[in-house]
Amino acid sequence: MPKYLVKQGLEYPPNRVVAAGEIVDDIPSRSVKWLREQGIIEPADANAKMVVEEPVAEEPVVEETPVVEAPQAEAEAE
């Protein structure tokens, strides 16, 4: 039976719940065509392993604030 990589969670009979990233071989044959067309599943090769996509944390952008020196009073300069 062909194996498919599930791109988003699915529920199908009988009481089957599949998380995104799992590879399954028991998707009802009548559903394979429309699930592939919608991009919900894709064929998995024989050597494929379960894929779990972890969110990528972006580095925070730190903007440097220019240092502005306060003008000295003229009286202090003399």
N, C-alpha and C. Protein backbone atom coordinates (compact mmCIF):
# COMPACT_ATOMS: atom_id res chain seq x y z
N MET A 1 0.85 -1.18 0.00
CA MET A 1 0.00 0.00 0.00
C MET A 1 0.90 1.25 0.00
N PRO A 2 0.58 2.27 -0.76
CA PRO A 2 1.40 3.48 -0.83
C PRO A 2 1.43 4.21 0.52
N LYS A 3 2.54 4.88 0.77
CA LYS A 3 2.69 5.65 2.00
C LYS A 3 2.61 7.13 1.66
N TYR A 4 2.03 7.88 2.60
CA TYR A 4 1.85 9.32 2.40
C TYR A 4 2.33 10.09 3.62
N LEU A 5 2.97 11.23 3.36
CA LEU A 5 3.36 12.15 4.40
C LEU A 5 2.19 13.10 4.64
N VAL A 6 1.74 13.18 5.87
CA VAL A 6 0.61 14.03 6.22
C VAL A 6 1.15 15.43 6.51
N LYS A 7 0.69 16.43 5.77
CA LYS A 7 1.16 17.80 5.90
C LYS A 7 0.39 18.60 6.94
N GLN A 8 -0.84 18.19 7.24
CA GLN A 8 -1.62 18.81 8.30
C GLN A 8 -2.47 17.73 8.93
N GLY A 9 -2.82 17.89 10.20
CA GLY A 9 -3.54 16.86 10.93
C GLY A 9 -4.79 16.37 10.22
N LEU A 10 -5.06 15.09 10.37
CA LEU A 10 -6.22 14.46 9.74
C LEU A 10 -6.94 13.56 10.73
N GLU A 11 -8.23 13.41 10.50
CA GLU A 11 -9.03 12.41 11.21
C GLU A 11 -9.79 11.65 10.14
N TYR A 12 -9.76 10.33 10.22
CA TYR A 12 -10.52 9.52 9.26
C TYR A 12 -10.91 8.20 9.92
N PRO A 13 -11.94 7.57 9.37
CA PRO A 13 -12.46 6.34 9.96
C PRO A 13 -11.44 5.21 9.89
N PRO A 14 -11.47 4.30 10.81
CA PRO A 14 -12.28 4.27 12.03
C PRO A 14 -11.52 4.89 13.20
N ASN A 15 -11.94 6.04 13.64
CA ASN A 15 -11.37 6.73 14.81
C ASN A 15 -9.86 6.93 14.71
N ARG A 16 -9.37 7.31 13.56
CA ARG A 16 -7.93 7.49 13.34
C ARG A 16 -7.63 8.97 13.37
N VAL A 17 -6.66 9.37 14.19
CA VAL A 17 -6.20 10.75 14.26
C VAL A 17 -4.71 10.74 13.93
N VAL A 18 -4.32 11.54 12.95
CA VAL A 18 -2.94 11.58 12.49
C VAL A 18 -2.43 13.00 12.58
N ALA A 19 -1.26 13.17 13.18
CA ALA A 19 -0.65 14.49 13.33
C ALA A 19 0.16 14.84 12.08
N ALA A 20 0.34 16.14 11.85
CA ALA A 20 1.18 16.59 10.74
C ALA A 20 2.58 16.03 10.93
N GLY A 21 3.18 15.57 9.84
CA GLY A 21 4.53 15.02 9.87
C GLY A 21 4.58 13.52 9.92
N GLU A 22 3.46 12.87 10.19
CA GLU A 22 3.45 11.41 10.25
C GLU A 22 3.36 10.82 8.85
N ILE A 23 3.89 9.62 8.70
CA ILE A 23 3.78 8.88 7.44
C ILE A 23 2.81 7.74 7.69
N VAL A 24 1.80 7.65 6.84
CA VAL A 24 0.75 6.65 7.01
C VAL A 24 0.55 5.86 5.72
N ASP A 25 -0.07 4.70 5.87
CA ASP A 25 -0.37 3.88 4.69
C ASP A 25 -1.81 3.38 4.71
N ASP A 26 -2.64 3.99 5.55
CA ASP A 26 -4.01 3.51 5.67
C ASP A 26 -5.08 4.55 5.35
N ILE A 27 -4.71 5.55 4.56
CA ILE A 27 -5.69 6.57 4.15
C ILE A 27 -6.68 5.91 3.19
N PRO A 28 -7.97 6.13 3.40
CA PRO A 28 -8.96 5.53 2.50
C PRO A 28 -8.68 5.92 1.04
N SER A 29 -8.66 4.94 0.17
CA SER A 29 -8.30 5.17 -1.23
C SER A 29 -9.20 6.19 -1.92
N ARG A 30 -10.45 6.28 -1.51
CA ARG A 30 -11.37 7.24 -2.13
C ARG A 30 -11.02 8.68 -1.77
N SER A 31 -10.18 8.88 -0.74
CA SER A 31 -9.83 10.22 -0.29
C SER A 31 -8.47 10.69 -0.77
N VAL A 32 -7.65 9.78 -1.25
CA VAL A 32 -6.27 10.12 -1.62
C VAL A 32 -6.21 11.23 -2.66
N LYS A 33 -7.02 11.15 -3.70
CA LYS A 33 -6.94 12.13 -4.79
C LYS A 33 -7.20 13.54 -4.29
N TRP A 34 -8.29 13.76 -3.58
CA TRP A 34 -8.60 15.13 -3.16
C TRP A 34 -7.66 15.61 -2.06
N LEU A 35 -7.17 14.70 -1.22
CA LEU A 35 -6.20 15.11 -0.20
C LEU A 35 -4.89 15.57 -0.84
N ARG A 36 -4.47 14.88 -1.91
CA ARG A 36 -3.26 15.29 -2.63
C ARG A 36 -3.49 16.61 -3.35
N GLU A 37 -4.64 16.77 -3.99
CA GLU A 37 -4.95 18.02 -4.69
C GLU A 37 -4.94 19.21 -3.75
N GLN A 38 -5.39 19.01 -2.52
CA GLN A 38 -5.44 20.09 -1.53
C GLN A 38 -4.09 20.32 -0.84
N GLY A 39 -3.12 19.45 -1.11
CA GLY A 39 -1.80 19.59 -0.50
C GLY A 39 -1.76 19.12 0.95
N ILE A 40 -2.74 18.34 1.36
CA ILE A 40 -2.81 17.85 2.74
C ILE A 40 -1.91 16.64 2.94
N ILE A 41 -1.74 15.84 1.89
CA ILE A 41 -0.82 14.71 1.94
C ILE A 41 0.05 14.75 0.69
N GLU A 42 1.20 14.06 0.77
CA GLU A 42 2.04 13.90 -0.42
C GLU A 42 2.68 12.53 -0.35
N PRO A 43 3.00 11.96 -1.50
CA PRO A 43 3.61 10.63 -1.49
C PRO A 43 4.92 10.65 -0.71
N ALA A 44 5.15 9.59 0.05
CA ALA A 44 6.39 9.45 0.82
C ALA A 44 7.19 8.32 0.20
N ASP A 45 8.49 8.53 0.04
CA ASP A 45 9.30 7.45 -0.53
C ASP A 45 9.53 6.37 0.53
N ALA A 46 10.03 5.25 0.10
CA ALA A 46 10.18 4.09 0.98
C ALA A 46 11.14 4.34 2.14
N ASN A 47 12.08 5.25 1.97
CA ASN A 47 13.07 5.51 3.01
C ASN A 47 12.72 6.71 3.89
N ALA A 48 11.55 7.29 3.67
CA ALA A 48 11.16 8.49 4.42
C ALA A 48 10.94 8.16 5.88
N LYS A 49 11.27 9.12 6.71
CA LYS A 49 11.04 8.98 8.15
C LYS A 49 10.06 10.07 8.56
N MET A 50 9.52 9.93 9.74
CA MET A 50 8.57 10.92 10.22
C MET A 50 9.26 12.29 10.26
N VAL A 51 8.60 13.29 9.74
CA VAL A 51 9.15 14.64 9.69
C VAL A 51 8.37 15.51 10.66
N VAL A 52 9.07 16.12 11.55
CA VAL A 52 8.44 17.02 12.49
C VAL A 52 9.07 18.38 12.28
N GLU A 53 8.26 19.31 11.84
CA GLU A 53 8.77 20.65 11.60
C GLU A 53 8.67 21.45 12.89
N GLU A 54 9.82 21.94 13.33
CA GLU A 54 9.83 22.76 14.53
C GLU A 54 9.90 24.21 14.11
N PRO A 55 9.20 25.08 14.84
CA PRO A 55 9.26 26.49 14.48
C PRO A 55 10.68 27.03 14.63
N VAL A 56 11.04 27.89 13.73
CA VAL A 56 12.37 28.49 13.76
C VAL A 56 12.27 29.80 14.50
N ALA A 57 13.05 29.91 15.58
CA ALA A 57 13.05 31.15 16.36
C ALA A 57 13.95 32.16 15.66
N GLU A 58 13.40 33.32 15.42
CA GLU A 58 14.18 34.36 14.77
C GLU A 58 14.92 35.16 15.82
N GLU A 59 16.11 35.58 15.45
CA GLU A 59 16.90 36.41 16.35
C GLU A 59 16.21 37.78 16.48
N PRO A 60 16.10 38.28 17.70
CA PRO A 60 15.48 39.60 17.85
C PRO A 60 16.36 40.68 17.21
N VAL A 61 15.72 41.65 16.63
CA VAL A 61 16.45 42.75 16.02
C VAL A 61 16.66 43.82 17.08
N VAL A 62 17.92 44.11 17.34
CA VAL A 62 18.25 45.12 18.34
C VAL A 62 18.82 46.32 17.61
N GLU A 63 18.12 47.41 17.72
CA GLU A 63 18.59 48.63 17.07
C GLU A 63 19.38 49.43 18.08
N GLU A 64 20.55 49.86 17.65
CA GLU A 64 21.37 50.65 18.55
C GLU A 64 20.88 52.09 18.52
N THR A 65 20.73 52.63 19.71
CA THR A 65 20.29 54.01 19.83
C THR A 65 21.53 54.89 19.92
N PRO A 66 21.62 55.90 19.07
CA PRO A 66 22.80 56.77 19.12
C PRO A 66 22.85 57.53 20.45
N VAL A 67 24.05 57.69 20.96
CA VAL A 67 24.24 58.42 22.21
C VAL A 67 24.34 59.89 21.88
N VAL A 68 23.49 60.66 22.49
CA VAL A 68 23.48 62.11 22.27
C VAL A 68 23.92 62.76 23.58
N GLU A 69 25.02 63.49 23.51
CA GLU A 69 25.52 64.14 24.70
C GLU A 69 24.79 65.47 24.88
N ALA A 70 24.45 65.72 26.12
CA ALA A 70 23.76 66.97 26.43
C ALA A 70 24.76 68.12 26.30
N PRO A 71 24.34 69.24 25.73
CA PRO A 71 25.25 70.38 25.59
C PRO A 71 25.58 70.93 26.98
N GLN A 72 26.83 71.28 27.15
CA GLN A 72 27.24 71.85 28.43
C GLN A 72 26.88 73.33 28.45
N ALA A 73 26.56 73.76 29.61
CA ALA A 73 26.20 75.19 29.76
C ALA A 73 27.45 76.02 29.52
N GLU A 74 27.28 77.22 28.95
CA GLU A 74 28.42 78.09 28.64
C GLU A 74 29.15 78.51 29.90
N ALA A 75 28.42 78.57 31.01
CA ALA A 75 29.03 79.01 32.24
C ALA A 75 30.06 77.97 32.71
N GLU A 76 29.81 76.72 32.47
CA GLU A 76 30.73 75.68 32.90
C GLU A 76 32.01 75.70 32.06
N ALA A 77 31.91 76.15 30.81
CA ALA A 77 33.03 76.17 29.91
C ALA A 77 34.04 77.22 30.29
N GLU A 78 33.63 78.27 30.99
CA GLU A 78 34.54 79.36 31.29
C GLU A 78 35.28 79.14 32.53
